[in-house]
C-alpha cells in the first residue's frame, strides 16, 4: 500500500472548556520535519505533537496549525490595547498626511502583537491538552485517509508505466538478435568492397569469429534479466503493507542503470530508440516515487 507524502487533514473538536481546530498539511521531504503553529502556551508540548504525528507519518514536511477558542471562563487570546492604540494613532497621522481614509480598528487586529495568545497559563494548558490531543489525532486520521487515496492513484499510475516498460522491453528482446545479423551482413559487404579487384579471399571462419566477438560485446541478455528482476521487486513492494518509498527510489536508480547499459551496448538505431523510451518511463516513475512515503 502506497502513501502519498502530499496531503491535507483537519478536525474540529469541542468540549465544555474550549473549541479546537487543527489543520495538517504535508509535502514531500526525505526526512520527517515538523513546522508547528499554535498558541505559545502549548509550545511546551511540541514533542508530544511530533509523537502523535509520527504514529502515522514516517517522513515528509508536516505543517501543523492549532487554533483554540475559549468557552466559558477559559482565558484565551488577549487584546493588547496599548499597542493597538499606538498603531491606531500612527496610522491616523499617516492617513491625514496622505489625505486618505483611516482603516477600521478591526483591520488592525492582525498586526504583530495586537492579539496575544500567550495568556494560557500552565494549568489552563494542561486542562486543554486532552482536547488538543484528540483534535490532532482526528486530523492525522483524516490526513492518513487523504494520503492513502492519493497513494492508490499513484500505484495505478506506476502499474501503467511498468506495463509500458514491459512492452518496450519485449520489443528490445525481439530486436536484440538482429544486431549481430545486421553486423554480419555489413561486415561481409564492406570486406568484399574493400577486396574487390584483388586476389585476397576472405574465410567464412574469420567473419564468424569477428561477428561472435561483436555479438558478445553487444549482448544485453544480463541487463534485460536484471531489469525484469527489478521490475518484479518493484511490483511486489507496491503491494506490501507499508509504504516503501525509499526502496522504490533505489530500484528506480537500478532500473535506470540497466537501461543506460542497454543503450550504450545497442549499436542499433531501433534499440537506441527503445532505450530512450525506457529512460523516459523510468524518469517518470522516479518523479512519482519522490512523493511516496
Foldseek 3Di string as FASTA:
>chain_A
DWFFQFFKFKFWFDDQWKIKIKIKTWFFDPFAAEAEAEAPLCPVCVVVLVVLLCVQDGGTYMYMYMDIDGHDPQDFKDFPVVVLVVVQVVQVVVCVVVVHDGDDSVVCCPPPPRIHGNPQDNVNCVVCVVRVSVRSNRRSVRGRVGRVVVLVVLLVVLVVLLVVLVVLLVVCVVCLVVVLVVVLVVVVVVVCVVCPPHPDDDDPVVSVVVSVVLSVQLDLVVLSVVLVVLSVVLNVQSPDPDFDLVSNLVSLVSNLVSLVSNCVSPNDPSSVVSSVVNNVSSVVNNVSSSRID
